Amino acid sequence: MKEILAGMPWWVKWVAIPVLALVVFGGLITSVLTFVVGLLFKLLVFVALVGGLIYVVRKFTSSSGSREDW
């Protein structure tokens, strides 16, 4: 492979081949990126919901504990 690319101009190696790869695999790359971004968003929502649940449980647990002391 190095021998094939050695005789080519620089723009073929650094411009034409990456552009061809984006054209051929563009849909796949877009699908993977969409999946990863969606997964990260769902993970962020999950972490926020768990954090909110822990906050609410601690808030009610601490307030009910103070009532029992009376």
N, C-alpha and C. Protein backbone atom coordinates (compact mmCIF):
# COMPACT_ATOMS: atom_id res chain seq x y z
N MET A 1 0.82 -1.20 0.00
CA MET A 1 0.00 0.00 0.00
C MET A 1 0.86 1.26 0.00
N LYS A 2 1.97 1.22 0.75
CA LYS A 2 2.85 2.40 0.78
C LYS A 2 3.45 2.67 -0.60
N GLU A 3 3.74 1.60 -1.34
CA GLU A 3 4.32 1.79 -2.67
C GLU A 3 3.31 2.44 -3.61
N ILE A 4 2.04 2.07 -3.47
CA ILE A 4 1.01 2.65 -4.33
C ILE A 4 0.85 4.14 -4.02
N LEU A 5 0.79 4.48 -2.75
CA LEU A 5 0.58 5.88 -2.36
C LEU A 5 1.85 6.73 -2.52
N ALA A 6 3.01 6.09 -2.59
CA ALA A 6 4.27 6.86 -2.67
C ALA A 6 4.34 7.67 -3.95
N GLY A 7 3.80 7.14 -5.05
CA GLY A 7 3.88 7.85 -6.31
C GLY A 7 2.77 8.85 -6.54
N MET A 8 1.82 8.93 -5.65
CA MET A 8 0.69 9.83 -5.80
C MET A 8 1.00 11.24 -5.28
N PRO A 9 0.35 12.25 -5.84
CA PRO A 9 0.52 13.61 -5.30
C PRO A 9 -0.08 13.72 -3.89
N TRP A 10 0.33 14.76 -3.18
CA TRP A 10 -0.11 14.91 -1.79
C TRP A 10 -1.61 15.06 -1.69
N TRP A 11 -2.24 15.74 -2.65
CA TRP A 11 -3.67 16.01 -2.54
C TRP A 11 -4.50 14.74 -2.71
N VAL A 12 -3.95 13.74 -3.36
CA VAL A 12 -4.68 12.47 -3.48
C VAL A 12 -4.72 11.79 -2.12
N LYS A 13 -3.59 11.78 -1.43
CA LYS A 13 -3.52 11.13 -0.11
C LYS A 13 -4.32 11.87 0.95
N TRP A 14 -4.27 13.20 0.93
CA TRP A 14 -4.84 13.97 2.04
C TRP A 14 -6.19 14.61 1.73
N VAL A 15 -6.63 14.60 0.47
CA VAL A 15 -7.91 15.20 0.13
C VAL A 15 -8.83 14.19 -0.55
N ALA A 16 -8.39 13.61 -1.64
CA ALA A 16 -9.27 12.75 -2.45
C ALA A 16 -9.68 11.47 -1.71
N ILE A 17 -8.75 10.80 -1.08
CA ILE A 17 -9.07 9.53 -0.40
C ILE A 17 -10.00 9.77 0.80
N PRO A 18 -9.74 10.76 1.67
CA PRO A 18 -10.72 11.01 2.74
C PRO A 18 -12.10 11.42 2.23
N VAL A 19 -12.17 12.20 1.14
CA VAL A 19 -13.46 12.58 0.58
C VAL A 19 -14.19 11.35 0.06
N LEU A 20 -13.49 10.46 -0.63
CA LEU A 20 -14.10 9.21 -1.09
C LEU A 20 -14.58 8.36 0.08
N ALA A 21 -13.80 8.31 1.13
CA ALA A 21 -14.22 7.54 2.31
C ALA A 21 -15.47 8.12 2.93
N LEU A 22 -15.57 9.45 2.99
CA LEU A 22 -16.78 10.08 3.53
C LEU A 22 -17.99 9.83 2.64
N VAL A 23 -17.78 9.82 1.33
CA VAL A 23 -18.90 9.56 0.42
C VAL A 23 -19.38 8.12 0.57
N VAL A 24 -18.44 7.18 0.64
CA VAL A 24 -18.81 5.76 0.71
C VAL A 24 -19.37 5.41 2.09
N PHE A 25 -18.70 5.84 3.15
CA PHE A 25 -19.08 5.46 4.51
C PHE A 25 -19.82 6.57 5.25
N GLY A 26 -20.25 7.61 4.56
CA GLY A 26 -20.89 8.75 5.21
C GLY A 26 -22.15 8.37 5.97
N GLY A 27 -22.98 7.52 5.35
CA GLY A 27 -24.20 7.08 6.02
C GLY A 27 -23.91 6.28 7.27
N LEU A 28 -22.92 5.42 7.20
CA LEU A 28 -22.53 4.62 8.36
C LEU A 28 -21.99 5.49 9.47
N ILE A 29 -21.14 6.45 9.12
CA ILE A 29 -20.57 7.35 10.11
C ILE A 29 -21.68 8.17 10.77
N THR A 30 -22.62 8.66 9.96
CA THR A 30 -23.74 9.43 10.50
C THR A 30 -24.58 8.58 11.44
N SER A 31 -24.85 7.33 11.06
CA SER A 31 -25.65 6.45 11.91
C SER A 31 -24.96 6.19 13.24
N VAL A 32 -23.66 5.93 13.20
CA VAL A 32 -22.91 5.66 14.43
C VAL A 32 -22.89 6.90 15.32
N LEU A 33 -22.64 8.07 14.74
CA LEU A 33 -22.62 9.29 15.53
C LEU A 33 -23.99 9.60 16.13
N THR A 34 -25.05 9.38 15.35
CA THR A 34 -26.40 9.59 15.88
C THR A 34 -26.68 8.66 17.04
N PHE A 35 -26.28 7.40 16.92
CA PHE A 35 -26.48 6.43 17.99
C PHE A 35 -25.70 6.83 19.24
N VAL A 36 -24.45 7.23 19.07
CA VAL A 36 -23.61 7.59 20.23
C VAL A 36 -24.15 8.84 20.92
N VAL A 37 -24.54 9.86 20.15
CA VAL A 37 -25.08 11.08 20.75
C VAL A 37 -26.39 10.79 21.46
N GLY A 38 -27.25 9.97 20.85
CA GLY A 38 -28.51 9.60 21.50
C GLY A 38 -28.28 8.84 22.79
N LEU A 39 -27.30 7.93 22.77
CA LEU A 39 -26.97 7.16 23.97
C LEU A 39 -26.43 8.06 25.07
N LEU A 40 -25.57 9.00 24.72
CA LEU A 40 -25.04 9.93 25.72
C LEU A 40 -26.15 10.81 26.29
N PHE A 41 -27.10 11.23 25.45
CA PHE A 41 -28.22 12.05 25.94
C PHE A 41 -29.08 11.25 26.91
N LYS A 42 -29.37 9.99 26.55
CA LYS A 42 -30.17 9.15 27.44
C LYS A 42 -29.44 8.89 28.75
N LEU A 43 -28.12 8.71 28.69
CA LEU A 43 -27.33 8.51 29.89
C LEU A 43 -27.37 9.75 30.77
N LEU A 44 -27.28 10.93 30.16
CA LEU A 44 -27.35 12.18 30.92
C LEU A 44 -28.71 12.34 31.58
N VAL A 45 -29.79 12.03 30.86
CA VAL A 45 -31.13 12.11 31.44
C VAL A 45 -31.27 11.13 32.59
N PHE A 46 -30.74 9.91 32.43
CA PHE A 46 -30.79 8.90 33.48
C PHE A 46 -30.07 9.38 34.74
N VAL A 47 -28.87 9.93 34.57
CA VAL A 47 -28.09 10.41 35.71
C VAL A 47 -28.83 11.56 36.40
N ALA A 48 -29.45 12.45 35.62
CA ALA A 48 -30.20 13.57 36.22
C ALA A 48 -31.41 13.05 37.00
N LEU A 49 -32.12 12.06 36.45
CA LEU A 49 -33.29 11.51 37.15
C LEU A 49 -32.90 10.78 38.43
N VAL A 50 -31.81 10.02 38.38
CA VAL A 50 -31.35 9.32 39.58
C VAL A 50 -30.91 10.33 40.63
N GLY A 51 -30.19 11.37 40.21
CA GLY A 51 -29.78 12.41 41.15
C GLY A 51 -30.97 13.11 41.77
N GLY A 52 -31.99 13.41 40.96
CA GLY A 52 -33.20 14.02 41.49
C GLY A 52 -33.93 13.11 42.46
N LEU A 53 -33.99 11.83 42.13
CA LEU A 53 -34.64 10.86 43.02
C LEU A 53 -33.91 10.77 44.35
N ILE A 54 -32.59 10.72 44.32
CA ILE A 54 -31.80 10.67 45.56
C ILE A 54 -32.02 11.94 46.37
N TYR A 55 -32.07 13.10 45.71
CA TYR A 55 -32.31 14.36 46.40
C TYR A 55 -33.67 14.36 47.09
N VAL A 56 -34.71 13.92 46.37
CA VAL A 56 -36.06 13.91 46.94
C VAL A 56 -36.15 12.94 48.10
N VAL A 57 -35.56 11.75 47.95
CA VAL A 57 -35.61 10.76 49.03
C VAL A 57 -34.89 11.27 50.27
N ARG A 58 -33.73 11.88 50.09
CA ARG A 58 -33.00 12.42 51.25
C ARG A 58 -33.76 13.57 51.89
N LYS A 59 -34.40 14.40 51.07
CA LYS A 59 -35.15 15.54 51.60
C LYS A 59 -36.31 15.05 52.48
N PHE A 60 -37.08 14.08 51.97
CA PHE A 60 -38.21 13.56 52.74
C PHE A 60 -37.74 12.72 53.92
N THR A 61 -36.64 12.00 53.77
CA THR A 61 -36.14 11.19 54.87
C THR A 61 -35.65 12.07 56.01
N SER A 62 -34.96 13.14 55.68
CA SER A 62 -34.45 14.02 56.74
C SER A 62 -35.60 14.78 57.41
N SER A 63 -36.63 15.17 56.65
CA SER A 63 -37.74 15.91 57.27
C SER A 63 -38.60 14.97 58.13
N SER A 64 -38.77 13.71 57.70
CA SER A 64 -39.56 12.79 58.50
C SER A 64 -38.77 12.36 59.75
N GLY A 65 -37.46 12.33 59.68
CA GLY A 65 -36.65 11.99 60.84
C GLY A 65 -36.73 13.07 61.90
N SER A 66 -36.84 14.32 61.52
CA SER A 66 -36.94 15.39 62.49
C SER A 66 -38.32 15.38 63.18
N ARG A 67 -39.34 14.90 62.48
CA ARG A 67 -40.67 14.80 63.10
C ARG A 67 -40.71 13.71 64.16
N GLU A 68 -39.97 12.63 63.93
CA GLU A 68 -39.96 11.53 64.90
C GLU A 68 -39.27 11.93 66.21
N ASP A 69 -38.34 12.87 66.12
CA ASP A 69 -37.63 13.31 67.32
C ASP A 69 -38.54 14.10 68.26
N TRP A 70 -39.64 14.66 67.75
CA TRP A 70 -40.52 15.47 68.58
C TRP A 70 -41.22 14.56 69.49
